[in-house]
Amino acid sequence: MASNASNSSENQLETIDMQTDQPEATASSSMACSQPSTSSVPRTAGESLSEFVLQLDDYTPTMPDPVVSYYMHSAGFSSTDPRIIGLISIAAQKFVSDIANDALQHCKMRGAGQTKKAAKDKRYVLTMEDLTPALAEYGINVKKPHYFA
């Protein structure tokens, strides 16, 4: 009896899938007729990655290559290929940027509850109070010391 219920639910799912797939197919086929396609061959992930690596030559990362090479070497990874160093530099820049953006959002959320007497002054200060929860989202635990010297 349970197998009959599961079979009927599977049939319903197939019917729903077929119903949703059919309008999409007709919409995409009508769009294909009205607009010429730019490329008829789908690109693979390898092709887009190779194009991205070629674009790395023109990009100057924020973090200098010797700094990235030093930290790569201290982590146990050494590479002399400048494309690899540039790729890791961009990944590190994205990571730092995401953390800074999350800390800014925490600062804005914390400041939203305050009074609006300084509405025109929109300066934000990066504090440990905002940075700690942003880093915690990425699995980095930071504890403030008990006292400052």
Protein backbone atom coordinates (compact mmCIF):
# COMPACT_ATOMS: atom_id res chain seq x y z
CA MET A 1 0.00 0.00 0.00
CA ALA A 2 2.87 2.35 0.78
CA SER A 3 4.47 1.52 -2.55
CA ASN A 4 1.26 2.49 -4.35
CA ALA A 5 1.27 5.86 -2.56
CA SER A 6 4.90 6.47 -3.45
CA ASN A 7 4.31 5.44 -7.06
CA SER A 8 1.36 7.82 -7.35
CA SER A 9 3.40 10.65 -5.84
CA GLU A 10 6.24 9.90 -8.27
CA ASN A 11 3.75 9.99 -11.15
CA GLN A 12 2.44 13.33 -9.89
CA LEU A 13 5.99 14.69 -9.72
CA GLU A 14 6.68 13.50 -13.25
CA THR A 15 3.46 15.13 -14.43
CA ILE A 16 4.37 18.39 -12.72
CA ASP A 17 7.88 18.26 -14.17
CA MET A 18 6.52 17.60 -17.63
CA GLN A 19 4.06 20.46 -17.29
CA THR A 20 6.73 22.92 -16.20
CA ASP A 21 9.24 21.75 -18.79
CA GLN A 22 6.85 22.04 -21.70
CA PRO A 23 6.18 25.81 -21.52
CA GLU A 24 9.88 26.50 -21.04
CA ALA A 25 10.72 24.49 -24.13
CA THR A 26 8.20 26.37 -26.23
CA ALA A 27 9.31 29.73 -24.85
CA SER A 28 12.96 29.01 -25.51
CA SER A 29 12.23 27.67 -28.98
CA SER A 30 10.22 30.78 -29.83
CA MET A 31 13.05 32.97 -28.52
CA ALA A 32 15.53 31.02 -30.60
CA CYS A 33 13.52 31.77 -33.70
CA SER A 34 13.18 35.47 -32.97
CA GLN A 35 16.80 36.16 -31.95
CA PRO A 36 19.90 34.76 -33.59
CA SER A 37 22.07 32.83 -31.18
CA THR A 38 25.53 34.22 -30.53
CA SER A 39 27.15 30.82 -30.24
CA SER A 40 25.63 27.49 -31.07
CA VAL A 41 28.34 25.53 -29.25
CA PRO A 42 28.07 25.55 -25.44
CA ARG A 43 31.24 26.60 -23.67
CA THR A 44 32.85 24.23 -21.23
CA ALA A 45 34.18 25.17 -17.83
CA GLY A 46 37.73 24.65 -19.06
CA GLU A 47 37.32 27.19 -21.85
CA SER A 48 35.94 29.87 -19.54
CA LEU A 49 38.70 29.15 -17.02
CA SER A 50 41.37 29.49 -19.67
CA GLU A 51 39.85 32.82 -20.77
CA PHE A 52 39.87 33.97 -17.15
CA VAL A 53 43.52 33.00 -16.72
CA LEU A 54 44.37 34.96 -19.87
CA GLN A 55 42.63 38.01 -18.41
CA LEU A 56 44.82 37.74 -15.29
CA ASP A 57 47.78 39.04 -17.29
CA ASP A 58 46.13 42.46 -17.64
CA TYR A 59 44.98 42.71 -14.00
CA THR A 60 47.14 44.21 -11.26
CA PRO A 61 46.09 42.68 -7.92
CA THR A 62 45.91 44.69 -4.73
CA MET A 63 48.21 42.31 -2.90
CA PRO A 64 51.76 42.32 -4.29
CA ASP A 65 53.07 39.06 -5.75
CA PRO A 66 56.02 38.77 -3.30
CA VAL A 67 53.61 38.98 -0.35
CA VAL A 68 51.38 36.28 -1.82
CA SER A 69 54.43 34.13 -2.64
CA TYR A 70 55.71 34.49 0.93
CA TYR A 71 52.44 33.36 2.48
CA MET A 72 52.07 30.56 -0.06
CA HIS A 73 55.57 29.35 0.82
CA SER A 74 54.90 29.62 4.56
CA ALA A 75 51.73 27.55 4.07
CA GLY A 76 53.75 24.86 2.28
CA PHE A 77 52.82 25.65 -1.31
CA SER A 78 55.41 26.97 -3.68
CA SER A 79 54.84 27.91 -7.29
CA THR A 80 56.82 30.02 -9.71
CA ASP A 81 53.97 30.33 -12.20
CA PRO A 82 52.80 33.97 -12.07
CA ARG A 83 49.30 32.94 -13.15
CA ILE A 84 48.89 30.75 -10.06
CA ILE A 85 50.20 33.52 -7.83
CA GLY A 86 47.79 36.00 -9.45
CA LEU A 87 44.87 33.61 -9.06
CA ILE A 88 45.61 33.09 -5.37
CA SER A 89 46.06 36.84 -4.96
CA ILE A 90 42.61 37.49 -6.41
CA ALA A 91 41.08 34.79 -4.19
CA ALA A 92 42.71 36.33 -1.10
CA GLN A 93 41.55 39.80 -2.14
CA LYS A 94 37.99 38.50 -2.54
CA PHE A 95 38.15 36.83 0.88
CA VAL A 96 39.35 40.02 2.61
CA SER A 97 36.79 42.09 0.71
CA ASP A 98 33.94 39.79 1.78
CA ILE A 99 35.01 39.99 5.42
CA ALA A 100 35.26 43.80 5.27
CA ASN A 101 31.84 44.02 3.62
CA ASP A 102 30.28 41.75 6.26
CA ALA A 103 31.87 43.86 9.02
CA LEU A 104 30.41 46.99 7.40
CA GLN A 105 26.97 45.39 7.36
CA HIS A 106 27.34 44.53 11.07
CA CYS A 107 28.35 48.14 11.75
CA LYS A 108 25.32 49.46 9.85
CA MET A 109 22.98 47.08 11.66
CA ARG A 110 24.42 48.08 15.03
CA GLY A 111 24.16 51.76 14.12
CA ALA A 112 20.58 51.46 12.87
CA GLY A 113 19.27 51.34 16.43
CA GLN A 114 20.98 54.57 17.43
CA THR A 115 19.34 57.96 17.24
CA LYS A 116 19.49 59.92 14.01
CA LYS A 117 21.06 63.09 15.39
CA ALA A 118 24.20 62.58 13.30
CA ALA A 119 22.37 61.69 10.10
CA LYS A 120 24.64 63.61 7.75
CA ASP A 121 27.86 62.15 9.19
CA LYS A 122 28.07 58.73 7.49
CA ARG A 123 31.59 57.75 8.53
CA TYR A 124 32.01 54.17 9.63
CA VAL A 125 34.86 52.88 11.77
CA LEU A 126 36.02 49.27 11.61
CA THR A 127 36.02 47.99 15.18
CA MET A 128 36.62 44.59 16.70
CA GLU A 129 32.98 44.62 17.77
CA ASP A 130 31.98 44.51 14.09
CA LEU A 131 34.89 42.45 12.80
CA THR A 132 34.52 39.56 15.28
CA PRO A 133 31.07 38.35 14.08
CA ALA A 134 32.08 38.85 10.45
CA LEU A 135 35.13 36.65 10.95
CA ALA A 136 33.08 34.11 12.92
CA GLU A 137 30.92 33.57 9.80
CA TYR A 138 34.06 32.29 8.06
CA GLY A 139 35.16 30.09 10.97
CA ILE A 140 37.80 32.46 12.35
CA ASN A 141 37.52 32.98 16.10
CA VAL A 142 38.99 36.20 17.44
CA LYS A 143 39.03 36.93 21.14
CA LYS A 144 39.71 40.37 22.48
CA PRO A 145 42.40 40.47 25.17
CA HIS A 146 41.26 41.16 28.73
CA TYR A 147 43.24 44.37 28.93
CA PHE A 148 45.32 46.60 26.70
CA ALA A 149 48.77 47.76 27.74
